[in-house]
Protein backbone atom coordinates (compact mmCIF):
# COMPACT_ATOMS: atom_id res chain seq x y z
CA MET A 1 0.00 0.00 0.00
CA LYS A 2 1.24 3.47 -0.89
CA THR A 3 0.22 7.03 -0.15
CA THR A 4 0.73 10.38 -1.86
CA VAL A 5 3.37 12.92 -0.90
CA ILE A 6 2.08 15.73 1.31
CA THR A 7 1.56 19.22 -0.09
CA ASP A 8 3.88 22.13 0.64
CA GLN A 9 1.25 23.59 2.95
CA GLU A 10 0.97 20.32 4.90
CA ARG A 11 4.75 20.09 5.06
CA GLU A 12 5.05 23.57 6.51
CA LYS A 13 2.42 22.76 9.16
CA ALA A 14 3.95 19.39 10.07
CA LEU A 15 7.54 20.62 10.36
CA ALA A 16 6.79 23.88 12.19
CA THR A 17 8.40 24.33 15.59
CA ILE A 18 6.81 26.00 18.61
CA LYS A 19 10.13 26.44 20.39
CA LYS A 20 11.19 29.99 21.11
CA PRO A 21 14.24 31.29 19.20
CA GLU A 22 16.06 32.09 22.45
CA VAL A 23 15.66 28.47 23.58
CA ILE A 24 17.06 27.18 20.30
CA GLU A 25 19.99 29.57 20.62
CA ARG A 26 20.66 28.67 24.25
CA GLN A 27 20.57 24.93 23.61
CA LYS A 28 22.19 25.19 20.17
CA LEU A 29 19.70 22.60 19.00
CA ASN A 30 17.03 23.27 16.39
CA VAL A 31 14.63 20.34 16.78
CA ARG A 32 10.84 20.38 17.08
CA TYR A 33 10.58 18.64 20.46
CA HIS A 34 11.32 20.26 23.81
CA VAL A 35 14.56 19.33 25.58
CA GLU A 36 15.60 20.15 29.12
CA ASP A 37 18.62 22.45 29.33
CA PHE A 38 21.88 20.53 29.13
CA ASP A 39 25.61 21.08 28.77
CA VAL A 40 26.16 22.26 25.19
CA SER A 41 29.94 22.53 25.41
CA ASP A 42 32.11 20.23 23.34
CA ARG A 43 29.21 18.04 22.25
CA PRO A 44 31.09 16.00 19.61
CA ARG A 45 33.68 14.88 22.17
CA ARG A 46 30.99 14.01 24.71
CA PHE A 47 28.96 12.15 22.07
CA LEU A 48 31.98 10.01 21.16
CA GLU A 49 32.77 9.33 24.80
CA ALA A 50 29.20 8.17 25.43
CA PHE A 51 29.33 6.06 22.26
CA ALA A 52 32.59 4.44 23.41
CA ALA A 53 31.19 3.68 26.87
CA ILE A 54 28.09 2.05 25.42
CA LEU A 55 30.18 -0.08 23.07
CA LYS A 56 32.37 -1.16 25.98
CA HIS A 57 29.49 -2.28 28.19
CA SER A 58 27.13 -3.82 25.65
CA ASN A 59 26.97 -6.04 22.58
CA TYR A 60 26.32 -3.22 20.12
CA LYS A 61 29.88 -3.36 18.72
CA MET A 62 29.35 -6.82 17.31
CA VAL A 63 26.13 -5.69 15.61
CA LEU A 64 27.66 -2.51 14.21
CA ASP A 65 30.70 -4.37 12.87
CA HIS A 66 28.31 -6.59 10.96
CA PHE A 67 26.15 -3.70 9.73
CA ILE A 68 29.02 -1.58 8.37
CA ARG A 69 30.22 -4.54 6.30
CA MET A 70 26.75 -5.28 4.93
CA THR A 71 25.13 -1.89 4.34
CA ALA A 72 24.64 -1.02 0.69
CA ARG A 73 22.23 1.94 0.86
CA CYS A 74 20.19 0.46 -1.94
CA SER A 75 17.11 2.31 -0.60
CA ARG A 76 14.87 -0.70 -0.99
CA CYS A 77 13.68 0.08 2.55
CA ALA A 78 12.07 3.26 1.21
CA VAL A 79 9.10 1.35 -0.17
CA ALA A 80 8.23 0.12 3.32
CA CYS A 81 8.71 3.40 5.20
CA HIS A 82 5.48 5.28 5.93
CA ILE A 83 7.48 8.43 6.76
CA TYR A 84 9.33 8.53 3.42
CA GLN A 85 6.17 7.76 1.48
CA ALA A 86 4.51 10.82 3.00
CA THR A 87 7.43 13.27 2.66
CA GLY A 88 9.31 12.05 -0.39
CA ASP A 89 12.45 13.40 1.30
CA PRO A 90 15.56 11.23 0.68
CA LYS A 91 16.68 12.05 4.24
CA ASP A 92 13.69 10.05 5.50
CA ILE A 93 14.82 6.86 3.78
CA PRO A 94 15.74 4.44 6.61
CA CYS A 95 19.20 3.55 5.28
CA TYR A 96 20.09 7.25 5.03
CA ARG A 97 19.07 7.73 8.67
CA SER A 98 21.05 4.67 9.78
CA GLY A 99 24.03 5.92 7.78
CA LEU A 100 24.26 9.00 10.02
CA LEU A 101 25.31 6.83 12.96
CA LEU A 102 27.13 4.13 11.00
CA ASP A 103 29.36 6.77 9.41
CA VAL A 104 30.35 7.99 12.88
CA TYR A 105 31.16 4.43 13.89
CA ARG A 106 33.23 3.79 10.77
CA ARG A 107 35.21 7.00 11.15
CA HIS A 108 35.87 6.96 14.89
CA PHE A 109 35.67 3.32 15.99
CA THR A 110 37.31 1.27 13.23
CA LEU A 111 41.01 1.17 12.44
CA GLY A 112 40.50 1.92 8.77
CA GLY A 113 38.29 4.89 9.53
CA MET A 114 40.68 6.38 12.06
CA VAL A 115 43.68 6.05 9.70
CA ARG A 116 41.75 7.46 6.76
CA GLY A 117 40.49 10.35 8.85
CA ARG A 118 43.98 11.29 10.03
CA VAL A 119 45.34 11.15 6.49
CA THR A 120 42.55 13.11 4.84
CA GLY A 121 41.55 15.28 7.80
CA ALA A 122 37.89 14.66 6.96
CA GLY A 123 34.87 12.93 8.51
CA TYR A 124 35.07 14.45 11.97
CA LEU A 125 31.90 14.60 14.04
CA THR A 126 30.42 18.11 14.28
CA ASP A 127 27.61 19.87 16.13
CA GLU A 128 25.71 20.05 12.84
CA LYS A 129 25.84 16.26 12.40
CA ILE A 130 24.64 15.73 15.99
CA GLU A 131 21.72 18.08 15.38
CA GLU A 132 20.79 16.19 12.22
CA MET A 133 20.79 12.92 14.16
CA ALA A 134 18.74 14.46 16.97
CA ASP A 135 16.11 15.51 14.44
CA SER A 136 16.16 12.42 12.24
CA PHE A 137 16.08 9.77 14.96
CA TYR A 138 12.84 11.21 16.36
CA ASN A 139 11.24 11.44 12.92
CA CYS A 140 11.46 7.66 12.88
CA THR A 141 8.78 5.68 14.75
CA ALA A 142 11.08 2.64 15.11
CA CYS A 143 8.33 0.40 13.72
CA ARG A 144 10.99 -1.77 12.00
CA ARG A 145 8.85 -2.45 8.94
CA CYS A 146 11.84 -1.43 6.82
CA ALA A 147 13.80 -4.41 8.18
CA LEU A 148 11.45 -6.74 6.31
CA GLU A 149 12.52 -5.20 3.00
CA CYS A 150 16.27 -4.97 3.60
CA PRO A 151 18.00 -7.68 1.52
CA LEU A 152 20.98 -7.56 3.88
CA GLY A 153 19.02 -7.82 7.10
CA LEU A 154 19.83 -4.43 8.63
CA ASP A 155 17.64 -3.51 11.59
CA HIS A 156 17.23 0.23 11.09
CA GLY A 157 14.99 0.43 14.15
CA LEU A 158 17.81 -0.88 16.32
CA ILE A 159 20.22 1.70 14.89
CA THR A 160 17.70 4.45 15.58
CA HIS A 161 17.39 3.21 19.17
CA LEU A 162 21.16 3.19 19.62
CA GLY A 163 21.41 6.71 18.21
CA ARG A 164 18.78 7.91 20.67
CA TYR A 165 20.59 6.10 23.48
CA ILE A 166 23.83 7.94 22.76
CA LEU A 167 22.05 11.29 22.43
CA SER A 168 20.28 10.76 25.76
CA GLU A 169 23.62 10.26 27.48
CA ILE A 170 24.63 13.81 26.50
CA GLY A 171 21.28 15.31 27.46
CA ILE A 172 19.41 15.28 24.14
CA VAL A 173 16.11 13.51 24.72
CA PRO A 174 12.50 14.74 24.48
CA ARG A 175 11.45 16.35 27.73
CA ALA A 176 8.12 14.48 27.68
CA LEU A 177 9.95 11.15 28.02
CA VAL A 178 12.37 12.41 30.66
CA VAL A 179 9.63 13.85 32.88
CA SER A 180 7.61 10.63 32.76
CA VAL A 181 10.60 8.42 33.51
CA ARG A 182 11.66 10.68 36.38
CA ALA A 183 8.20 10.33 37.93
CA GLN A 184 8.35 6.55 37.49
CA LEU A 185 11.83 5.94 38.90
CA GLU A 186 12.37 8.82 41.32
CA GLY A 187 8.92 10.21 42.10
CA PRO A 188 6.92 9.39 45.25
CA TYR A 189 4.27 7.40 43.37
CA HIS A 190 6.55 5.26 41.14
CA ASN A 191 4.56 5.57 37.91
CA THR A 192 4.74 7.74 34.81
CA SER A 193 1.48 9.59 35.52
CA ALA A 194 2.13 10.16 39.24
CA VAL A 195 -1.05 8.34 40.29
CA PRO A 196 -1.11 7.77 44.10
CA VAL A 197 -2.14 4.35 45.40
CA PRO A 198 -5.28 5.73 47.15
CA ALA A 199 -6.39 7.22 43.82
CA LEU A 200 -5.74 3.87 42.11
CA LYS A 201 -7.88 2.03 44.67
CA ASP A 202 -10.66 4.61 44.42
CA THR A 203 -10.68 4.17 40.65
CA LEU A 204 -10.84 0.40 40.91
CA GLU A 205 -13.69 0.54 43.43
CA PHE A 206 -15.60 2.91 41.18
CA LEU A 207 -15.14 0.55 38.22
CA GLU A 208 -16.29 -2.40 40.34
CA ASP A 209 -19.51 -0.54 41.19
CA ASP A 210 -19.97 0.40 37.55
CA MET A 211 -19.59 -3.21 36.43
CA PHE A 212 -22.05 -4.41 39.04
CA GLU A 213 -24.65 -1.95 37.84
CA GLU A 214 -24.15 -2.97 34.21
CA LYS A 215 -23.57 -6.72 34.50
CA SER A 216 -25.15 -7.67 37.87
CA VAL A 217 -21.94 -9.55 38.66
CA ARG A 218 -19.52 -8.78 41.47
CA ILE A 219 -16.32 -8.33 39.44
CA LYS A 220 -13.24 -7.49 41.49
CA PHE A 221 -9.92 -5.78 40.87
CA PRO A 222 -7.82 -7.66 43.42
CA THR A 223 -4.78 -5.85 44.85
CA ASP A 224 -1.69 -7.20 46.61
CA VAL A 225 -2.92 -10.81 46.69
CA GLU A 226 0.05 -13.10 47.22
CA GLY A 227 0.53 -16.32 45.29
CA SER A 228 -1.65 -15.34 42.33
CA ASP A 229 -1.19 -16.99 38.96
CA TYR A 230 -0.89 -13.60 37.25
CA VAL A 231 0.49 -10.28 38.47
CA PHE A 232 -1.06 -7.68 36.19
CA PHE A 233 0.69 -4.58 34.86
CA ALA A 234 -1.25 -2.12 32.72
CA PRO A 235 0.00 1.14 31.24
CA VAL A 236 -0.90 3.52 34.06
CA SER A 237 -2.74 5.77 31.62
CA ASP A 238 -5.40 3.05 31.37
CA TYR A 239 -6.42 3.78 34.97
CA LEU A 240 -7.06 7.37 33.90
CA MET A 241 -8.54 7.01 30.42
CA GLU A 242 -9.37 3.41 29.46
CA ALA A 243 -12.07 2.25 31.87
CA ASP A 244 -13.74 -0.11 29.37
CA THR A 245 -10.43 -1.82 28.63
CA LEU A 246 -9.82 -2.50 32.33
CA MET A 247 -13.41 -3.62 32.93
CA GLY A 248 -13.14 -6.00 30.01
CA ILE A 249 -9.98 -7.55 31.43
CA ALA A 250 -11.49 -7.89 34.90
CA SER A 251 -14.62 -9.45 33.37
CA VAL A 252 -12.56 -12.11 31.63
CA PHE A 253 -10.98 -13.12 34.95
CA ALA A 254 -14.39 -13.10 36.63
CA ALA A 255 -15.64 -15.52 33.97
CA THR A 256 -12.66 -17.87 34.20
CA GLY A 257 -12.06 -17.75 37.95
CA ASP A 258 -8.28 -17.66 37.52
CA SER A 259 -6.31 -15.86 40.22
CA TRP A 260 -4.75 -12.49 39.42
CA THR A 261 -3.73 -9.35 41.23
CA ILE A 262 -2.51 -5.80 40.80
CA GLY A 263 0.49 -4.83 42.92
CA THR A 264 0.31 -1.45 44.64
CA GLU A 265 4.07 -0.90 44.86
CA ASP A 266 4.42 -1.03 41.07
CA PHE A 267 1.40 -1.12 38.77
CA ASP A 268 2.73 0.74 35.72
CA ALA A 269 3.75 -1.35 32.70
CA ILE A 270 5.11 1.61 30.72
CA ASN A 271 8.80 1.34 29.90
CA TYR A 272 10.06 4.36 27.98
CA GLY A 273 13.59 3.00 28.17
CA LEU A 274 12.80 0.98 25.04
CA PHE A 275 12.49 4.28 23.20
CA TYR A 276 15.73 5.95 24.19
CA ASN A 277 17.96 4.38 26.85
CA ASP A 278 18.88 0.81 27.81
CA ARG A 279 19.84 1.77 31.35
CA ILE A 280 16.36 3.17 31.94
CA MET A 281 14.79 0.09 30.37
CA GLU A 282 16.75 -2.17 32.73
CA ARG A 283 15.67 -0.25 35.83
CA VAL A 284 12.00 -0.37 34.86
CA ILE A 285 12.14 -4.06 33.96
CA LYS A 286 13.67 -4.84 37.34
CA LYS A 287 10.80 -3.03 39.06
CA VAL A 288 8.33 -5.32 37.30
CA ASP A 289 10.33 -8.38 38.32
CA SER A 290 10.66 -7.17 41.91
CA GLU A 291 6.94 -6.51 42.32
CA THR A 292 5.98 -9.89 40.87
CA ARG A 293 8.39 -11.68 43.20
CA ARG A 294 7.24 -9.58 46.19
CA LEU A 295 3.75 -10.95 45.65
CA ASN A 296 5.06 -14.46 44.92
CA GLY A 297 3.29 -14.35 41.57
CA LYS A 298 3.74 -17.08 39.00
CA ARG A 299 3.60 -14.99 35.79
CA VAL A 300 3.93 -11.43 34.60
CA LEU A 301 0.79 -10.38 32.74
CA ILE A 302 1.01 -7.20 30.65
CA GLY A 303 -2.14 -5.32 29.65
CA GLU A 304 -2.98 -3.71 26.31
CA CYS A 305 0.40 -2.11 25.68
CA GLY A 306 2.67 -3.04 22.80
CA HIS A 307 6.00 -1.64 23.94
CA ALA A 308 5.53 -2.77 27.57
CA SER A 309 4.75 -6.28 26.37
CA ARG A 310 7.78 -6.38 24.10
CA THR A 311 10.19 -5.10 26.75
CA ALA A 312 8.91 -7.56 29.36
CA LYS A 313 8.88 -10.51 26.95
CA ASN A 314 12.29 -9.85 25.38
CA PHE A 315 14.27 -8.25 28.19
CA LEU A 316 13.05 -9.77 31.45
CA PRO A 317 15.31 -12.79 30.73
CA THR A 318 18.17 -10.41 29.81
CA PHE A 319 18.11 -8.44 33.05
CA CYS A 320 16.35 -10.74 35.52
CA GLY A 321 17.64 -14.27 35.61
CA GLY A 322 17.94 -15.64 32.08
CA SER A 323 16.27 -19.03 31.79
CA ASP A 324 15.12 -18.71 35.41
CA SER A 325 13.24 -15.47 34.78
CA LEU A 326 9.49 -15.23 35.26
CA PRO A 327 7.30 -16.14 32.28
CA VAL A 328 5.59 -13.23 30.53
CA MET A 329 2.18 -13.19 28.87
CA ASN A 330 0.22 -10.47 27.12
CA ILE A 331 -3.45 -10.16 28.04
CA LEU A 332 -4.45 -10.89 24.43
CA GLU A 333 -2.77 -14.27 24.72
CA TYR A 334 -4.58 -15.01 27.96
CA THR A 335 -8.01 -14.03 26.62
CA HIS A 336 -7.46 -16.05 23.45
CA LYS A 337 -6.37 -19.05 25.53
CA VAL A 338 -9.44 -19.08 27.80
CA TRP A 339 -11.73 -18.42 24.82
CA LYS A 340 -10.35 -21.48 23.01
CA GLU A 341 -10.86 -23.49 26.21
CA GLY A 342 -14.53 -22.54 26.17
CA LYS A 343 -14.39 -20.46 29.35
CA LEU A 344 -15.46 -17.25 27.65
CA LYS A 345 -18.94 -16.69 26.25
CA LEU A 346 -19.38 -13.77 23.86
CA ASN A 347 -22.71 -12.59 22.45
CA PRO A 348 -22.51 -12.36 18.63
CA ASP A 349 -25.52 -10.01 18.44
CA VAL A 350 -24.12 -7.10 20.46
CA VAL A 351 -21.45 -5.60 18.20
CA THR A 352 -23.13 -4.83 14.88
CA GLU A 353 -20.79 -2.15 13.50
CA LYS A 354 -18.08 -2.78 10.95
CA VAL A 355 -14.96 -3.68 12.98
CA ALA A 356 -11.29 -3.72 11.93
CA TYR A 357 -8.17 -4.66 13.89
CA HIS A 358 -4.91 -2.66 14.03
CA ASP A 359 -1.69 -4.57 14.69
CA PRO A 360 0.61 -2.81 17.17
CA CYS A 361 4.13 -3.00 15.75
CA ASN A 362 5.64 -4.28 18.99
CA LEU A 363 3.25 -7.23 19.02
CA ALA A 364 3.05 -8.14 15.36
CA ARG A 365 6.35 -7.25 13.67
CA ASN A 366 8.04 -10.36 15.07
CA ARG A 367 4.88 -12.48 14.50
CA TRP A 368 4.24 -12.81 18.23
CA ILE A 369 0.57 -11.80 18.44
CA VAL A 370 -1.21 -11.66 15.10
CA ASN A 371 -4.00 -14.23 14.66
CA GLN A 372 -5.07 -14.64 18.30
CA PRO A 373 -7.11 -11.43 18.65
CA ARG A 374 -8.53 -11.81 15.14
CA GLU A 375 -9.90 -15.27 15.94
CA VAL A 376 -11.70 -13.94 19.00
CA LEU A 377 -13.06 -10.86 17.22
CA ARG A 378 -14.40 -12.88 14.30
CA SER A 379 -16.28 -15.11 16.73
CA PHE A 380 -18.62 -12.32 17.86
CA CYS A 381 -18.13 -9.38 15.46
CA ARG A 382 -20.23 -10.42 12.49
CA ASN A 383 -19.18 -7.44 10.41
CA TYR A 384 -15.43 -7.86 10.84
CA VAL A 385 -13.26 -6.50 8.01
CA GLU A 386 -9.54 -6.91 7.48
CA MET A 387 -7.10 -4.11 6.72
CA THR A 388 -4.17 -4.91 4.47
CA PRO A 389 -1.27 -5.11 4.81
CA LYS A 390 -1.56 -6.75 8.21
CA GLY A 391 0.32 -8.84 10.74
CA GLU A 392 4.09 -8.60 10.52
CA ASP A 393 3.75 -6.29 7.53
CA ASN A 394 1.32 -3.94 9.30
CA ILE A 395 1.41 -0.19 8.83
CA CYS A 396 2.54 1.77 11.90
CA CYS A 397 -0.02 4.04 13.57
CA GLY A 398 2.49 6.88 13.17
CA GLY A 399 3.15 7.42 16.86
CA GLY A 400 5.52 4.57 17.63
CA GLY A 401 8.94 4.78 19.22
CA GLY A 402 7.63 7.04 21.99
CA THR A 403 6.79 9.88 19.62
CA VAL A 404 3.11 9.74 20.62
CA SER A 405 4.10 11.05 24.05
CA ILE A 406 5.60 14.19 22.51
CA ASP A 407 2.55 16.40 22.18
CA GLU A 408 4.38 19.27 20.52
CA ILE A 409 4.99 17.16 17.41
CA ARG A 410 1.36 16.08 17.01
CA PRO A 411 1.05 17.89 13.63
CA TYR A 412 4.01 15.84 12.38
CA ARG A 413 2.56 12.60 13.74
CA THR A 414 -0.88 13.02 12.20
CA THR A 415 0.12 14.74 8.96
CA ILE A 416 3.22 12.71 8.08
CA GLY A 417 3.67 9.80 10.49
CA GLY A 418 0.06 8.63 10.33
CA LYS A 419 -0.82 9.56 6.75
CA LEU A 420 -0.47 6.05 5.33
CA LYS A 421 -2.37 4.59 8.29
CA ALA A 422 -5.18 7.11 7.80
CA ASP A 423 -5.46 6.05 4.16
CA GLN A 424 -5.65 2.41 5.22
CA ILE A 425 -8.37 3.07 7.81
CA ARG A 426 -10.38 5.15 5.35
CA LYS A 427 -10.14 2.41 2.71
CA SER A 428 -11.39 -0.25 5.14
CA GLY A 429 -14.60 1.68 5.88
CA CYS A 430 -14.54 0.47 9.47
CA GLU A 431 -16.74 2.09 12.10
CA ILE A 432 -14.81 0.64 15.04
CA LEU A 433 -11.03 0.29 14.98
CA VAL A 434 -9.63 -2.06 17.62
CA ALA A 435 -6.15 -1.12 18.83
CA PRO A 436 -4.85 -3.20 21.77
CA CYS A 437 -2.10 -0.74 22.72
CA ALA A 438 -2.25 2.42 24.82
CA ASN A 439 0.15 4.37 22.58
CA CYS A 440 -1.61 3.25 19.41
CA LYS A 441 -4.99 4.26 20.83
CA LYS A 442 -3.79 7.75 21.67
CA GLN A 443 -2.17 8.25 18.27
CA LEU A 444 -5.07 6.77 16.32
CA ARG A 445 -7.65 8.89 18.12
CA GLU A 446 -5.67 12.01 17.30
CA LEU A 447 -5.25 10.76 13.74
CA VAL A 448 -8.99 10.15 13.39
CA GLU A 449 -9.66 13.67 14.65
CA ASP A 450 -7.03 15.47 12.57
CA GLN A 451 -7.66 13.50 9.37
CA GLY A 452 -11.45 13.61 9.66
CA LEU A 453 -11.97 9.85 9.72
CA ASN A 454 -15.41 8.46 10.57
CA CYS A 455 -14.55 5.72 13.03
CA ARG A 456 -14.14 5.10 16.75
CA VAL A 457 -10.91 3.75 18.28
CA VAL A 458 -11.30 1.27 21.14
CA GLY A 459 -9.28 -1.36 22.94
CA PHE A 460 -9.68 -5.09 22.33
CA HIS A 461 -11.19 -5.70 25.75
CA ASP A 462 -13.62 -2.80 25.33
CA LEU A 463 -15.53 -5.02 22.91
CA ILE A 464 -15.04 -8.08 25.11
CA TYR A 465 -16.69 -6.19 27.96
CA LYS A 466 -19.59 -5.23 25.71
CA ALA A 467 -20.21 -8.79 24.49
CA ILE A 468 -19.29 -10.99 27.46
CA GLU A 469 -21.98 -13.22 28.96
CA PHE A 470 -21.75 -14.56 32.49
CA ASP A 471 -23.04 -17.77 33.98
CA ASP A 472 -26.23 -17.27 35.98
CA SER A 473 -24.49 -18.54 39.12
CA LEU A 474 -22.33 -15.39 39.11
CA LYS A 475 -25.20 -12.94 38.81
CA VAL A 476 -26.51 -10.93 41.73
CA GLU A 477 -29.95 -9.43 42.23
CA GLN A 478 -30.22 -5.81 43.36
CA GLU A 479 -33.21 -5.36 45.67
CA GLU A 480 -33.71 -2.30 47.81
CA GLY A 481 -29.99 -1.67 47.91
CA VAL A 482 -29.28 -5.16 49.24
CA ASP A 483 -27.33 -7.53 47.05
CA GLN A 484 -28.53 -11.10 47.05
CA VAL A 485 -26.70 -13.85 45.24
CA LYS A 486 -29.10 -15.96 43.21
CA ASN A 487 -27.91 -19.18 44.79
CA GLY A 488 -28.76 -17.77 48.23
CA GLN A 489 -25.21 -17.47 49.53
CA GLY A 490 -25.30 -13.68 49.76
CA ARG A 491 -22.79 -11.10 48.59
CA PRO A 492 -19.15 -12.19 48.48
CA SER A 493 -17.03 -10.67 51.19
CA ASP A 494 -14.30 -8.19 50.29
CA GLY A 495 -11.67 -10.90 50.57
CA GLU A 496 -13.40 -13.35 48.27
CA GLY A 497 -12.86 -13.53 44.57
CA LYS A 498 -9.46 -11.86 44.78
């Protein structure tokens, strides 16, 4: 699938900066996203020192040595890049972007490059090259679709991540990401949205009352229950904005009777380290591991969040015990599993609108979760339609790689980053777009608004909650404010069902 290049007017709107000229001058950095003030002196030297330290304490050197031998800059990746298709700018071709960092590595970290540089006096890193990297690496959504087209197997998304990692070590990182991570790792509430535990519990109690009124079933959000099969981590933004998603997840557990819990010392699945810094990613991953072990949980269960699921699945073994690390499951896998086992009853007459499914890149690009949610949706959404391309070849929402959290670049995200996705949604004619990822939902809702699309973006479990049917034995009658269980046993106590 292809899209048309944006107009000059759209380009001007998308690439406009809201930063004040005095800030740009003070930071000596002309990029569209806000950055906290940092040391601007001798940036090339500091960049190379950070690069050297990362190479010394990681496995990136082995990867880069392979990439610099294999890269051909054939630009075949351009056909897969939703950014390049929208801009038509050669600087947005993935192999050009990767070349910015690979050229630095060749010149300063290989023997041939160092000798050639001394002889010719060329190729030195400059402030201008650092600024170009700072701009280019955050134009990319790190969706990694380009890697599927590369005949030599280069992972341009990984190179973008490494470039961001190095930049972050010298202070160049979007302020939106830094502020959230600071709240999560150093703030008093230990989550990216600074939600206090009492507020979390109030929210969960409110949702429990809501579910009882709608479903006549006492559905609980258990907290701090030791020995549960699943310790649940949702993106903390769900507790603020995605009530139906959470109620759908809780309803599934109410129907199956499996044990689960939410830990109050760490309940935020978000891990922005994946977007810009491995050290941050490690610290957040270890918090997830620590909370699960504190509660003596058997598995880590991640909610509807693509990047949080990928970081937990791929990096919990890396940082927390290798083969002895805790198993990780995404909530889509769990719901699909219990549905196949016949534990989940879904009414096929409830959802009548035309429904399509969006693949989050972090779930589908490596073929991890592709068919499972589709099988469930087709079972009760009679008017299900498929968008193509799909699965591992899916089109990015346009807000991946953490860019959706940077509100000041929204015009770029919805005019350029999401243009191809908007075309795909419009072509499908869907009325409901299912996106089982917090970042995708935020981006797609903004995309729908800015591009004038006629559809509603929801989570996967939003529709599950709408269609789920409970066994009569779980239902409770409401009479004169007194709850009576149909089997005569009365209302479950607060400690039951957790």
